[in-house]
Protein backbone atom coordinates (compact mmCIF):
# COMPACT_ATOMS: atom_id res chain seq x y z
CA UNK A 1 102.12 122.70 145.31
CA UNK A 2 98.97 121.30 146.33
CA UNK A 3 97.49 121.72 149.74
CA UNK A 4 97.15 118.64 152.13
CA UNK A 5 93.70 116.50 151.17
CA UNK A 6 93.61 116.18 154.72
CA UNK A 7 93.34 119.60 155.14
CA UNK A 8 91.10 120.27 152.30
CA UNK A 9 89.10 117.50 153.89
CA UNK A 10 88.46 118.86 157.28
CA UNK A 11 88.01 122.57 155.70
CA UNK A 12 85.61 120.95 153.35
CA UNK A 13 83.50 119.51 156.56
CA UNK A 14 83.12 123.00 157.96
CA UNK A 15 82.28 124.39 155.12
CA UNK A 16 79.12 122.26 154.67
CA UNK A 17 78.16 122.82 158.25
CA UNK A 18 78.75 126.67 157.78
CA UNK A 19 76.35 126.14 154.54
CA UNK A 20 73.92 123.95 156.38
CA UNK A 21 73.43 126.35 159.43
CA UNK A 22 75.28 123.97 161.98
CA UNK A 23 76.27 125.04 165.27
CA UNK A 24 79.33 125.49 167.19
CA UNK A 25 80.07 124.71 170.67
CA UNK A 26 77.87 126.73 172.69
CA UNK A 27 78.31 130.01 170.21
CA UNK A 28 76.55 128.93 167.13
CA UNK A 29 79.14 130.00 164.74
CA UNK A 30 80.45 127.29 162.58
CA UNK A 31 83.70 125.25 164.24
CA UNK A 32 86.84 126.25 162.67
CA UNK A 33 89.03 123.47 160.90
CA UNK A 34 91.91 122.65 162.92
CA UNK A 35 95.01 123.02 160.92
CA UNK A 36 97.20 119.87 160.72
CA UNK A 37 100.36 119.86 162.57
CA UNK A 38 103.97 118.64 161.40
CA UNK A 39 106.65 117.71 163.86
CA UNK A 40 110.07 118.85 163.63
CA UNK A 41 112.63 117.35 165.75
CA UNK A 42 116.32 118.78 165.42
CA UNK A 43 119.35 117.25 166.87
CA UNK A 44 120.41 119.95 168.75
CA UNK A 45 119.70 124.07 168.56
CA UNK A 46 123.03 125.45 167.14
CA UNK A 47 122.83 127.97 164.63
CA UNK A 48 122.75 125.39 161.68
CA UNK A 49 120.16 123.40 163.19
CA UNK A 50 118.01 126.27 164.21
CA UNK A 51 118.30 127.97 160.66
CA UNK A 52 117.11 124.75 159.17
CA UNK A 53 114.14 124.39 161.58
CA UNK A 54 113.30 128.39 160.87
CA UNK A 55 113.47 127.52 157.11
CA UNK A 56 111.02 124.64 157.58
CA UNK A 57 108.75 126.22 160.08
CA UNK A 58 108.38 129.46 157.47
CA UNK A 59 107.65 127.04 154.18
CA UNK A 60 105.09 124.62 156.52
CA UNK A 61 103.43 127.72 157.68
CA UNK A 62 102.98 129.13 154.24
CA UNK A 63 101.44 125.90 152.84
CA UNK A 64 99.08 125.89 155.98
CA UNK A 65 100.31 123.52 158.50
CA UNK A 66 101.15 124.34 162.19
CA UNK A 67 104.47 123.21 163.48
CA UNK A 68 105.84 121.75 166.20
CA UNK A 69 109.66 122.31 166.86
CA UNK A 70 111.73 120.43 169.26
CA UNK A 71 115.84 120.80 169.96
CA UNK A 72 117.32 117.41 171.65
CA UNK A 73 120.67 119.24 172.34
CA UNK A 74 122.55 115.84 171.19
CA UNK A 75 120.62 113.60 173.58
CA UNK A 76 119.01 110.62 171.58
CA UNK A 77 116.98 109.86 174.98
CA UNK A 78 115.78 113.43 175.25
CA UNK A 79 114.69 112.83 171.25
CA UNK A 80 113.04 110.02 171.68
CA UNK A 81 110.84 111.42 174.84
CA UNK A 82 110.00 114.65 172.17
CA UNK A 83 109.04 112.48 169.42
CA UNK A 84 106.55 110.56 171.41
CA UNK A 85 105.25 113.95 172.74
CA UNK A 86 104.35 114.83 168.87
CA UNK A 87 102.63 111.43 168.42
CA UNK A 88 100.38 112.16 171.89
CA UNK A 89 99.75 115.52 170.53
CA UNK A 90 98.30 114.23 167.27
CA UNK A 91 100.97 115.71 164.83
CA UNK A 92 100.46 114.52 161.41
CA UNK A 93 103.68 113.86 160.08
CA UNK A 94 107.33 114.11 161.58
CA UNK A 95 110.54 115.66 159.87
CA UNK A 96 113.58 114.36 162.19
CA UNK A 97 116.93 115.18 162.04
CA UNK A 98 118.44 112.49 164.19
CA UNK A 99 120.86 112.75 167.40
CA UNK A 100 121.60 108.64 167.05
CA UNK A 101 119.80 107.49 163.82
CA UNK A 102 119.97 103.85 165.58
CA UNK A 103 118.06 104.84 168.40
CA UNK A 104 114.68 105.72 167.10
CA UNK A 105 113.33 102.15 166.24
CA UNK A 106 110.60 102.09 168.82
CA UNK A 107 109.18 105.46 168.84
CA UNK A 108 108.94 105.34 164.89
CA UNK A 109 106.91 101.92 165.52
CA UNK A 110 104.41 103.90 167.45
CA UNK A 111 104.29 106.71 164.70
CA UNK A 112 103.92 103.87 162.33
CA UNK A 113 101.05 102.35 164.32
CA UNK A 114 99.10 105.70 163.70
CA UNK A 115 100.55 106.26 159.97
CA UNK A 116 102.03 109.14 160.79
CA UNK A 117 104.92 109.55 158.14
CA UNK A 118 108.46 110.01 159.14
CA UNK A 119 110.99 112.23 156.82
CA UNK A 120 114.58 111.67 157.70
CA UNK A 121 116.34 114.74 157.33
CA UNK A 122 120.17 115.40 156.56
CA UNK A 123 120.63 112.04 158.85
CA UNK A 124 119.70 108.73 157.81
CA UNK A 125 117.66 106.82 160.58
CA UNK A 126 118.28 103.11 161.02
CA UNK A 127 117.56 100.08 161.81
CA UNK A 128 113.91 100.49 161.11
CA UNK A 129 111.30 100.17 158.41
CA UNK A 130 109.21 103.07 159.53
CA UNK A 131 110.35 106.15 157.99
CA UNK A 132 109.39 107.00 154.71
CA UNK A 133 111.91 109.34 152.80
CA UNK A 134 114.94 110.50 153.22
CA UNK A 135 116.22 114.34 152.17
CA UNK A 136 119.80 114.80 152.27
CA UNK A 137 123.58 116.13 150.38
CA UNK A 138 125.35 113.53 148.57
CA UNK A 139 127.40 112.91 151.68
CA UNK A 140 129.65 110.30 149.57
CA UNK A 141 130.44 113.39 147.15
CA UNK A 142 130.93 115.84 150.61
CA UNK A 143 133.91 113.33 151.67
CA UNK A 144 135.37 113.77 148.09
CA UNK A 145 135.49 116.94 147.84
CA UNK A 146 137.29 117.65 151.01
CA UNK A 147 139.86 114.99 150.36
CA UNK A 148 140.33 116.85 146.88
CA UNK A 149 140.47 120.09 149.19
CA UNK A 150 143.37 118.89 151.31
CA UNK A 151 145.52 117.48 148.38
CA UNK A 152 144.92 120.95 146.84
CA UNK A 153 145.73 122.92 149.70
CA UNK A 154 149.08 120.72 150.25
CA UNK A 155 149.81 121.25 146.83
CA UNK A 156 150.92 117.80 146.88
CA UNK A 157 151.64 117.73 143.06
CA UNK A 158 154.65 120.08 143.48
CA UNK A 159 155.78 118.66 147.22
CA UNK A 160 159.20 117.06 147.61
CA UNK A 161 158.87 115.29 150.33
CA UNK A 162 156.26 113.16 151.95
CA UNK A 163 153.23 115.69 153.32
CA UNK A 164 152.27 114.75 156.80
CA UNK A 165 148.76 114.97 157.87
CA UNK A 166 146.33 113.54 160.35
CA UNK A 167 142.72 112.78 159.90
CA UNK A 168 139.38 113.14 162.26
CA UNK A 169 136.31 111.47 161.25
CA UNK A 170 132.61 112.49 162.51
CA UNK A 171 130.41 110.91 164.97
CA UNK A 172 130.12 107.32 165.08
CA UNK A 173 126.42 107.28 165.83
CA UNK A 174 125.58 109.46 162.53
CA UNK A 175 125.21 107.56 159.54
CA UNK A 176 126.75 110.46 157.54
CA UNK A 177 130.24 110.69 159.24
CA UNK A 178 130.82 107.26 157.33
CA UNK A 179 130.18 108.67 154.22
CA UNK A 180 132.39 111.77 154.77
CA UNK A 181 135.20 109.63 156.00
CA UNK A 182 135.16 107.01 153.17
CA UNK A 183 134.54 109.66 150.38
CA UNK A 184 137.70 111.71 151.46
CA UNK A 185 139.77 108.27 152.14
CA UNK A 186 138.80 107.09 148.36
CA UNK A 187 140.83 110.22 147.23
CA UNK A 188 144.02 110.50 149.97
CA UNK A 189 144.42 106.79 149.94
CA UNK A 190 146.61 106.40 146.51
CA UNK A 191 148.86 109.30 148.02
CA UNK A 192 149.17 107.49 151.42
CA UNK A 193 149.73 104.22 149.36
CA UNK A 194 152.41 105.81 147.17
CA UNK A 195 154.27 107.60 150.32
CA UNK A 196 153.45 111.28 149.26
CA UNK A 197 151.58 111.46 152.06
CA UNK A 198 151.91 110.33 155.89
CA UNK A 199 149.51 110.04 158.34
CA UNK A 200 152.02 110.55 160.92
CA UNK A 201 150.16 108.87 163.98
CA UNK A 202 149.47 106.06 161.83
CA UNK A 203 145.72 106.25 162.72
CA UNK A 204 143.50 106.10 159.47
CA UNK A 205 140.57 104.13 160.73
CA UNK A 206 137.47 105.41 161.27
CA UNK A 207 136.70 103.98 164.62
CA UNK A 208 140.17 105.23 165.63
CA UNK A 209 139.70 108.88 164.39
CA UNK A 210 135.99 109.00 164.92
CA UNK A 211 135.08 112.30 167.24
CA UNK A 212 131.46 111.59 169.43
CA UNK A 213 128.99 114.00 169.30
CA UNK A 214 130.79 116.24 166.73
CA UNK A 215 132.46 117.71 169.41
CA UNK A 216 135.02 120.42 169.07
CA UNK A 217 136.51 120.13 172.37
CA UNK A 218 137.11 116.54 171.78
CA UNK A 219 138.66 117.06 168.54
CA UNK A 220 140.80 119.69 170.11
CA UNK A 221 141.97 117.44 172.76
CA UNK A 222 142.79 114.91 170.26
CA UNK A 223 144.78 117.34 168.02
CA UNK A 224 146.40 118.12 171.33
CA UNK A 225 147.50 114.71 172.22
CA UNK A 226 148.59 114.51 169.01
CA UNK A 227 150.97 117.26 169.20
CA UNK A 228 152.43 116.40 172.16
CA UNK A 229 152.94 112.96 170.96
CA UNK A 230 153.50 111.44 167.10
CA UNK A 231 153.59 115.14 165.46
CA UNK A 232 155.87 116.54 168.33
CA UNK A 233 158.91 116.49 166.06
CA UNK A 234 157.09 117.10 162.71
CA UNK A 235 155.72 119.68 160.73
CA UNK A 236 152.18 119.15 159.73
CA UNK A 237 150.89 119.98 156.73
CA UNK A 238 147.45 119.19 156.84
CA UNK A 239 144.21 117.89 158.57
CA UNK A 240 141.51 116.40 157.24
CA UNK A 241 138.39 117.92 159.56
CA UNK A 242 134.91 116.87 158.14
CA UNK A 243 132.94 119.84 159.42
CA UNK A 244 133.79 123.45 160.76
CA UNK A 245 133.24 122.58 164.16
CA UNK A 246 136.15 120.04 164.44
CA UNK A 247 137.64 122.36 162.46
CA UNK A 248 137.83 125.09 164.72
CA UNK A 249 139.02 122.73 167.61
CA UNK A 250 141.91 121.72 165.39
CA UNK A 251 142.89 124.88 164.71
CA UNK A 252 142.94 126.10 168.61
CA UNK A 253 144.99 122.63 169.30
CA UNK A 254 147.68 124.09 166.11
CA UNK A 255 147.40 127.86 167.36
CA UNK A 256 148.50 126.70 170.55
CA UNK A 257 151.52 124.84 169.37
CA UNK A 258 152.59 127.94 166.99
CA UNK A 259 151.34 127.40 164.10
CA UNK A 260 149.94 130.55 161.97
CA UNK A 261 153.29 132.76 163.22
CA UNK A 262 155.55 133.58 161.20
CA UNK A 263 157.71 130.88 159.87
CA UNK A 264 154.95 128.27 160.12
CA UNK A 265 152.03 128.36 158.53
CA UNK A 266 148.95 127.03 159.11
CA UNK A 267 148.62 123.08 157.78
CA UNK A 268 145.87 122.57 155.07
CA UNK A 269 142.34 122.20 156.81
CA UNK A 270 138.95 121.12 155.63
CA UNK A 271 135.52 121.64 156.88
CA UNK A 272 132.02 121.50 156.38
CA UNK A 273 128.70 123.45 156.57
CA UNK A 274 129.92 127.04 156.15
CA UNK A 275 129.05 128.09 159.64
CA UNK A 276 129.84 131.82 159.84
CA UNK A 277 132.99 132.05 162.32
CA UNK A 278 134.27 129.27 159.69
CA UNK A 279 133.90 131.34 156.61
CA UNK A 280 135.66 133.84 158.05
CA UNK A 281 138.69 131.90 158.46
CA UNK A 282 138.30 130.58 155.27
CA UNK A 283 138.17 134.21 154.16
CA UNK A 284 141.67 135.04 156.13
CA UNK A 285 143.40 132.03 155.04
CA UNK A 286 143.20 130.45 158.22
CA UNK A 287 141.10 127.27 157.19
CA UNK A 288 141.32 126.12 153.73
CA UNK A 289 137.95 124.57 152.54
CA UNK A 290 134.60 124.09 154.07
CA UNK A 291 131.67 122.28 152.32
CA UNK A 292 128.35 124.65 151.45
CA UNK A 293 125.34 122.49 152.02
CA UNK A 294 122.45 124.91 151.20
CA UNK A 295 119.90 124.14 154.06
CA UNK A 296 117.62 126.54 152.29
CA UNK A 297 117.29 123.51 149.41
CA UNK A 298 117.26 121.24 151.61
CA UNK A 299 114.55 122.20 153.84
CA UNK A 300 112.25 122.81 150.81
CA UNK A 301 112.91 119.59 150.00
CA UNK A 302 111.83 118.16 153.12
CA UNK A 303 108.47 120.06 153.27
CA UNK A 304 107.91 118.95 149.65
CA UNK A 305 108.27 115.64 150.82
CA UNK A 306 105.89 116.19 153.78
CA UNK A 307 103.28 117.90 151.81
CA UNK A 308 103.16 114.95 149.08
CA UNK A 309 102.48 112.11 151.54
CA UNK A 310 100.05 114.22 153.45
CA UNK A 311 98.26 115.11 150.34
CA UNK A 312 98.25 111.06 149.38
CA UNK A 313 101.31 111.40 146.75
CA UNK A 314 104.85 110.06 146.04
CA UNK A 315 107.57 112.50 147.01
CA UNK A 316 110.01 113.22 144.27
CA UNK A 317 113.57 111.44 145.09
CA UNK A 318 116.31 110.86 142.85
CA UNK A 319 118.07 108.20 144.40
CA UNK A 320 116.79 104.42 145.45
CA UNK A 321 119.48 102.45 145.73
CA UNK A 322 122.53 104.35 148.06
CA UNK A 323 120.55 104.32 151.35
CA UNK A 324 120.26 101.57 152.98
CA UNK A 325 119.60 101.41 156.61
CA UNK A 326 119.71 98.30 157.42
CA UNK A 327 116.16 97.14 156.89
CA UNK A 328 115.08 98.96 153.77
CA UNK A 329 116.62 101.02 151.03
CA UNK A 330 114.94 104.51 152.02
CA UNK A 331 114.18 106.69 148.92
CA UNK A 332 115.99 109.36 148.79
CA UNK A 333 116.48 113.06 147.29
CA UNK A 334 119.94 114.42 147.16
CA UNK A 335 121.53 117.59 146.78
CA UNK A 336 124.87 118.56 145.66
CA UNK A 337 127.41 120.25 148.31
CA UNK A 338 130.03 122.58 147.04
CA UNK A 339 133.60 123.16 148.04
CA UNK A 340 134.38 126.91 149.29
CA UNK A 341 137.60 128.48 149.40
CA UNK A 342 139.25 131.89 149.94
CA UNK A 343 138.87 131.90 145.94
CA UNK A 344 134.97 131.51 145.62
CA UNK A 345 133.02 132.12 149.08
CA UNK A 346 132.32 135.38 147.89
CA UNK A 347 130.62 134.29 145.13
CA UNK A 348 129.14 131.21 146.70
CA UNK A 349 128.21 132.50 149.84
CA UNK A 350 127.80 136.40 149.41
CA UNK A 351 126.27 136.30 145.85
CA UNK A 352 123.73 133.92 146.68
CA UNK A 353 122.42 136.21 149.59
CA UNK A 354 123.18 132.94 152.36
CA UNK A 355 125.03 135.55 154.26
CA UNK A 356 125.63 139.57 153.44
CA UNK A 357 128.87 141.15 153.01
CA UNK A 358 128.50 142.79 156.67
CA UNK A 359 127.87 139.39 158.21
CA UNK A 360 131.59 138.61 157.19
CA UNK A 361 133.41 141.93 158.02
């Protein structure tokens, strides 16, 4: 990978000045070339996003860049302020994992005015033409894998009665949440239509089952309400949960109603992100599945995109049709997710070095 031409140009000026005997400010020494700074704006600071930021910082630093990293703590207004500060500080590129992809139009217009390229990281930035590239996973496939994992966990092929489930979705402000939900429902709807699977509450529309801010406590509260209402007189066989944090909240509510005890097994339940706490639940059989998205590789893609645009090149993409943000189709590089269960978590997560065996003990 080539270093940024901007860095070459600045370094070249410094070298020429040194050879010509130019004087520095007051010291007579040649001025050192300032490093180019890349802003990395993360939506929150939990272990997943902190790890993503750390991976990008390591790779950007190895390429000679400086970095400025922020965590918006799930607050869209905070992220706008943080990105504005990056622009004011003279950062030359922005990698943005958005809190609310539709809330950044105005601040990114200011970045565009200063010719600062923007890479959308994991979550699509919507409603603006001022985003250059998008690095993410195949989000529709994530949902398809979750839907299939739920069917497998339900053992629907051998069922002798309609199987009772509930469905949850993610944050309506996160563009990915719709892809996850639609992908999963594309798998489940034929079984719902045939009567083999029953959504007991009848709540199957995204707007009804969405969970603001991907908040696990909100998911737990909804599950508790369902268990006290439509699900009170039935055995719940499965729950579609779009990520691990929501799955843990749902499991907490189920545990309060005696699920997981003798004679009342845990329902099949999905997840996403392969968070350590949830991988332990998968290993123990409490959670059926989680989706592994190797964010080490996603960080590499975002860094490669950033380096390319700063070098005046075109970044490598593999999707130019799927991600229309309402203003433009954003050139995208998609990585592939992997479904992780009790049967394969060791090979996928431990053998790959993502976790150590001791992490799971």
